[in-house]
Protein backbone atom coordinates (compact mmCIF):
# COMPACT_ATOMS: atom_id res chain seq x y z
CA MET A 1 271.37 152.68 128.43
CA GLN A 2 269.72 155.52 129.71
CA SER A 3 272.97 157.66 129.60
CA LYS A 4 273.34 156.69 126.15
CA VAL A 5 270.04 157.87 124.83
CA THR A 6 270.75 161.38 127.19
CA ASN A 7 274.04 161.51 125.39
CA LYS A 8 272.43 161.22 122.17
CA GLU A 9 269.64 164.21 122.67
CA THR A 10 272.23 166.11 123.79
CA THR A 11 274.09 165.42 120.48
CA THR A 12 271.02 166.04 118.77
CA ARG A 13 270.03 169.41 120.62
CA SER A 14 273.57 170.96 120.00
CA THR A 15 273.66 170.29 116.38
CA ILE A 16 269.85 171.71 115.51
CA LYS A 17 271.25 174.35 117.50
CA ASN A 18 274.58 174.91 115.46
CA MET A 19 271.77 174.81 112.02
CA PHE A 20 270.04 177.41 112.89
CA SER A 21 273.17 179.80 115.23
CA ARG A 22 274.26 182.53 112.73
CA ASP A 23 277.05 183.41 114.39
CA LYS A 24 278.65 183.06 118.23
CA ARG A 25 276.96 186.66 119.06
CA SER A 26 273.59 185.54 118.06
CA ASN A 27 273.59 182.11 120.48
CA ASN A 28 272.61 183.96 122.97
CA ILE A 29 270.22 186.25 121.51
CA ASN A 30 266.55 185.54 120.31
CA ASP A 31 264.49 186.84 116.98
CA ASN A 32 263.28 189.48 119.35
CA GLY A 33 266.68 190.68 119.87
CA ASN A 34 266.50 189.77 123.62
CA PRO A 35 269.93 188.44 124.93
CA ASN A 36 270.14 185.75 127.63
CA ILE A 37 267.08 184.05 126.10
CA VAL A 38 268.31 181.23 123.84
CA ASP A 39 266.53 180.21 120.98
CA GLU A 40 264.99 176.21 121.39
CA TRP A 41 263.56 174.21 118.81
CA GLU A 42 261.00 171.64 118.92
CA LEU A 43 259.28 168.84 116.44
CA ARG A 44 255.46 169.54 115.25
CA PRO A 45 253.30 166.85 114.49
CA GLY A 46 254.29 166.48 110.71
CA GLY A 47 257.78 166.53 111.25
CA MET A 48 257.73 170.13 111.03
CA LEU A 49 260.80 171.69 112.89
CA VAL A 50 259.56 175.18 114.57
CA GLN A 51 261.15 177.21 117.31
CA LYS A 52 259.88 176.16 121.01
CA ARG A 53 257.29 178.38 122.52
CA ASN A 54 258.59 180.01 125.26
CA SER A 55 255.96 181.20 128.34
CA ASP A 56 258.35 183.58 129.77
CA VAL A 57 257.75 185.52 126.45
CA ASN A 58 255.20 188.67 126.63
CA ASN A 59 251.89 187.09 125.73
CA LYS A 60 251.11 190.73 123.71
CA THR A 61 253.48 189.36 121.47
CA SER A 62 251.38 186.04 120.82
CA THR A 63 247.90 187.45 120.10
CA ILE A 64 247.42 188.43 116.79
CA LYS A 65 244.31 190.13 114.63
CA VAL A 66 243.42 188.48 111.97
CA LYS A 67 240.82 189.18 109.46
CA VAL A 68 238.11 186.29 108.12
CA LYS A 69 236.04 186.97 105.13
CA TYR A 70 232.93 184.56 105.00
CA GLY A 71 230.61 185.38 102.07
CA SER A 72 229.62 189.44 102.46
CA SER A 73 230.72 189.91 106.40
CA TYR A 74 234.55 190.40 107.60
CA TYR A 75 235.01 189.45 111.11
CA GLN A 76 238.30 190.84 113.29
CA ILE A 77 239.38 187.89 115.05
CA HIS A 78 241.94 187.85 118.23
CA ILE A 79 243.64 185.02 118.62
CA SER A 80 247.52 183.34 119.70
CA SER A 81 249.85 182.64 116.91
CA HIS A 82 250.65 179.58 118.13
CA ALA A 83 246.90 178.29 117.91
CA SER A 84 245.73 175.52 115.20
CA PHE A 85 243.18 176.26 112.83
CA GLY A 86 241.09 173.32 114.15
CA ALA A 87 237.86 173.33 116.32
CA GLY A 88 239.13 173.57 119.57
CA GLU A 89 240.74 177.03 118.37
CA LEU A 90 240.35 179.74 115.60
CA LYS A 91 237.33 177.53 114.27
CA LYS A 92 235.30 176.96 116.93
CA MET A 93 235.92 181.16 117.04
CA LEU A 94 234.40 181.36 114.16
CA THR A 95 231.39 179.31 114.87
CA GLU A 96 230.69 181.90 117.34
CA TYR A 97 230.44 184.72 114.72
CA THR A 98 228.92 182.70 111.68
CA GLY A 99 227.01 179.95 113.33
CA LEU A 100 228.82 177.35 110.94
CA HIS A 101 229.66 174.20 112.52
CA VAL A 102 233.04 173.59 113.05
CA LEU A 103 233.47 170.66 110.80
CA ASP A 104 231.86 172.67 107.85
CA GLN A 105 234.08 175.20 107.73
CA LYS A 106 237.57 175.50 105.13
CA LEU A 107 239.47 178.07 106.18
CA ILE A 108 241.84 179.02 103.14
CA PHE A 109 245.46 181.29 103.52
CA LYS A 110 246.86 182.19 100.56
CA LYS A 111 245.02 180.40 98.26
CA LYS A 112 245.46 177.11 99.93
CA VAL A 113 242.88 174.93 102.11
CA ARG A 114 245.22 174.62 105.62
CA ASP A 115 244.78 171.51 107.70
CA SER A 116 242.51 171.87 110.62
CA LYS A 117 245.96 170.44 112.72
CA SER A 118 247.87 172.93 111.81
CA TYR A 119 249.40 175.83 113.63
CA LEU A 120 248.98 179.42 112.65
CA ASP A 121 252.60 180.59 113.18
CA VAL A 122 253.73 177.79 110.84
CA GLU A 123 251.62 178.09 108.21
CA ARG A 124 253.19 182.04 108.33
CA VAL A 125 249.62 183.64 109.53
CA LYS A 126 250.80 186.62 111.11
CA ASP A 127 249.14 190.04 112.81
CA GLY A 128 246.62 191.51 110.20
CA SER A 129 246.76 188.16 108.26
CA LYS A 130 243.57 187.49 105.89
CA LEU A 131 241.88 184.22 105.65
CA VAL A 132 239.19 183.25 103.73
CA LEU A 133 236.49 181.23 105.35
CA ILE A 134 233.96 178.95 102.96
CA GLU A 135 231.03 176.02 104.38
CA ASP A 136 232.29 172.39 103.21
CA ILE A 137 229.22 171.46 101.15
CA GLU A 138 230.44 167.80 101.20
CA SER A 139 231.34 167.63 104.88
CA ARG A 140 228.29 169.37 106.31
CA GLU A 141 226.42 166.20 103.99
CA ARG A 142 228.59 163.82 105.55
CA ARG A 143 228.00 165.01 109.10
CA ILE A 144 224.23 165.10 108.25
CA LEU A 145 223.76 161.65 107.08
CA GLU A 146 225.88 160.30 109.67
CA THR A 147 224.02 162.47 112.23
CA LEU A 148 220.63 160.58 110.47
CA LYS A 149 222.36 157.36 110.85
CA ILE A 150 222.59 157.68 114.24
CA ALA A 151 219.43 159.22 114.97
CA LYS A 152 217.69 156.35 113.30
CA LYS A 153 219.69 153.57 115.38
CA GLU A 154 218.93 155.29 118.16
CA LYS A 155 215.37 155.17 117.16
CA THR A 156 215.78 151.13 116.10
CA SER A 157 217.41 150.28 119.67
CA LYS A 158 214.64 152.34 121.67
CA SER A 159 211.87 149.84 119.54
CA LEU A 160 213.46 146.71 119.80
CA ILE A 161 213.29 147.42 123.70
CA GLU A 162 209.88 148.23 123.70
CA ILE A 163 208.89 145.15 121.42
CA ASN A 164 210.51 143.18 123.37
CA LEU A 165 208.81 143.81 126.60
CA GLU A 166 205.34 143.73 124.43
CA VAL A 167 206.72 140.15 123.17
CA ASP A 168 207.55 139.17 127.08
CA LYS A 169 203.74 139.90 128.08
CA LEU A 170 202.06 138.22 125.14
CA SER A 171 204.42 135.21 125.46
CA LYS A 172 203.47 134.91 129.25
CA LYS A 173 199.48 134.83 127.70
CA VAL A 174 200.68 131.79 124.81
CA SER A 175 202.29 129.79 128.09
CA ALA A 176 198.77 130.03 129.66
CA LEU A 177 196.65 128.82 126.93
CA GLU A 178 199.33 126.07 126.54
CA GLY A 179 198.96 125.48 129.98
CA VAL A 180 194.86 125.11 129.63
CA ALA A 181 195.15 123.42 126.86
CA SER A 182 197.51 120.65 128.37
CA THR A 183 195.29 120.25 131.41
CA GLY A 184 192.19 119.11 128.71
CA GLY A 185 191.02 122.66 129.67
CA VAL A 186 188.34 124.64 126.97
CA ILE A 187 190.25 127.36 124.73
CA GLU A 188 188.34 130.16 123.30
CA ASN A 189 188.97 130.85 119.97
CA LEU A 190 188.98 134.28 120.69
CA ASP A 191 191.94 134.36 122.59
CA VAL A 192 194.21 132.50 120.24
CA GLU A 193 192.92 134.67 117.16
CA SER A 194 193.38 137.94 119.62
CA LEU A 195 196.65 136.72 120.11
CA THR A 196 198.15 135.74 116.88
CA GLU A 197 196.89 139.13 115.65
CA SER A 198 198.77 140.85 118.23
CA LEU A 199 202.47 138.94 116.97
CA MET A 200 201.27 139.66 113.55
CA ARG A 201 201.67 143.20 114.27
CA ILE A 202 204.51 143.27 115.86
CA LEU A 203 206.30 140.96 113.22
CA ILE A 204 205.07 144.25 110.55
CA THR A 205 206.86 146.26 113.03
CA LEU A 206 210.15 144.56 112.73
CA ASP A 207 209.89 144.42 109.32
CA GLU A 208 209.44 147.77 108.85
CA ILE A 209 211.86 149.55 111.14
CA TYR A 210 215.56 150.38 110.29
CA TYR A 211 218.38 148.05 111.63
CA GLY A 212 221.66 148.33 109.53
CA GLU A 213 224.24 145.96 110.80
CA GLY A 214 225.61 144.69 113.80
CA GLU A 215 224.30 144.27 117.35
CA LEU A 216 220.68 146.04 115.95
CA LYS A 217 220.52 143.29 113.58
CA LEU A 218 221.08 140.53 116.00
CA LYS A 219 218.81 141.80 118.14
CA ARG A 220 216.16 142.17 115.46
CA LYS A 221 216.50 138.61 114.00
CA GLU A 222 215.81 137.47 117.81
CA GLN A 223 212.64 138.94 118.14
CA VAL A 224 211.37 138.04 114.65
CA ARG A 225 212.59 134.35 115.92
CA ARG A 226 210.47 134.78 119.21
CA VAL A 227 207.59 136.52 117.63
CA GLN A 228 207.21 133.17 114.62
CA LYS A 229 207.77 130.93 117.50
CA HIS A 230 204.51 132.10 119.61
CA ILE A 231 202.77 132.28 116.25
CA GLU A 232 203.60 128.78 115.04
CA THR A 233 202.41 127.54 118.81
CA LEU A 234 199.15 129.58 118.58
CA ASP A 235 198.23 128.03 115.07
CA MET A 236 199.07 124.28 116.29
CA LEU A 237 196.77 125.13 119.33
CA LYS A 238 193.64 126.29 116.87
CA MET A 239 194.67 123.08 114.71
CA THR A 240 194.36 121.03 118.08
CA LYS A 241 191.25 122.51 119.01
CA ALA A 242 189.56 122.52 115.59
CA LYS A 243 190.13 118.61 115.34
CA GLU A 244 188.61 118.32 118.71
CA ASN A 245 185.74 120.37 117.82
CA ASN A 246 185.42 117.94 114.57
CA MET A 247 185.58 115.05 116.45
CA ALA A 248 182.85 116.05 118.61
CA HIS A 249 180.59 116.39 115.62
CA ASP A 250 180.69 113.56 114.51
CA ASP A 251 179.82 111.84 117.68
CA ASP A 252 177.01 114.13 117.87
CA ASP A 253 175.90 113.26 114.44
CA LYS A 254 175.97 109.49 115.19
CA SER A 255 174.25 110.30 117.85
CA LYS A 256 171.32 111.77 115.99
CA VAL A 257 171.32 108.97 113.83
CA HIS A 258 170.87 106.55 116.08
CA CYS A 259 168.02 108.26 118.14
CA GLY A 260 166.42 108.56 114.83
CA VAL A 261 166.66 105.04 114.26
CA GLU A 262 164.96 104.42 117.19
CA LYS A 263 162.31 106.84 117.02
CA GLN A 264 161.30 105.45 113.66
CA GLN A 265 160.84 101.97 114.76
CA GLU A 266 158.99 103.28 117.78
CA CYS A 267 156.55 105.36 115.19
CA LYS A 268 155.89 101.89 113.24
CA LYS A 269 155.29 100.06 116.47
CA GLN A 270 152.70 102.52 117.57
CA GLU A 271 150.86 102.21 114.01
CA GLN A 272 150.89 98.88 114.45
CA HIS A 273 148.90 99.02 118.11
CA TYR A 274 146.60 101.72 116.79
CA GLU A 275 145.72 99.58 113.76
CA SER A 276 144.66 96.40 116.11
CA VAL A 277 142.55 98.27 118.18
CA VAL A 278 138.87 98.24 117.10
CA VAL A 279 136.78 100.89 118.33
CA THR A 280 133.23 99.18 120.15
CA THR A 281 132.19 102.83 120.77
CA LYS A 282 128.42 103.62 119.35
CA TRP A 283 127.09 107.19 119.20
CA GLU A 284 123.67 107.71 119.90
CA THR A 285 121.47 109.12 117.23
CA PHE A 286 119.60 112.38 118.03
CA ASP A 287 116.42 113.04 115.67
């Protein structure tokens, strides 16, 4: 299997060389006129066939100077002819000169916007070539919106972590009140109301924060569910305490009524006793 692939590659290379050879003599001479340096070809991204780069060739011949116009300014850029227009090479160098973000750059050569993945030599950019740099407004707006979106997500994630910790603390306090109530202990209304207010504030915060879609949305929903559950628990405790207080008041009222009847009966008996008493004491009269 391997021998078949090798024979196929050899045949392809031979065909390519024959396609681009001028005559038998030129097969051993490259475009620079140097003998014994055979031109080889390689397939670039996008399907374009170009001459293979040779590292043995003098580096000076591969470095070119291009003139880039940006606004009213001109910049002389020394760069390899094999470099790309993209963010990793030419655009990166232009960022250092102009301060323009690599994603916000549009490079125009011969009245055509060049793709960032394209290579200078493939696009026939030569020493002394002139390029025009303009700002890609739409790209800048998209990048800014994406940056803001990422910042909001990070802020939301941080807020949810803080809220989770706060709810954990309040949850322990709610559980403590439940424990007191289950053992017949006395629960202060102030404690219940204070916890309820704290949980309501968290609920408002959860309603206001940005959550978007995906994981953050699920985390926010979970916190909302937890807070609402604790608020419902506190409401039940408050209602239970109110019923107990009402029952206690009813008992007090009955006791007061009973005591009132007994007192009235005692008063009547005392009046009857006073009426039955005959006063026998007579005071002497002094002239």
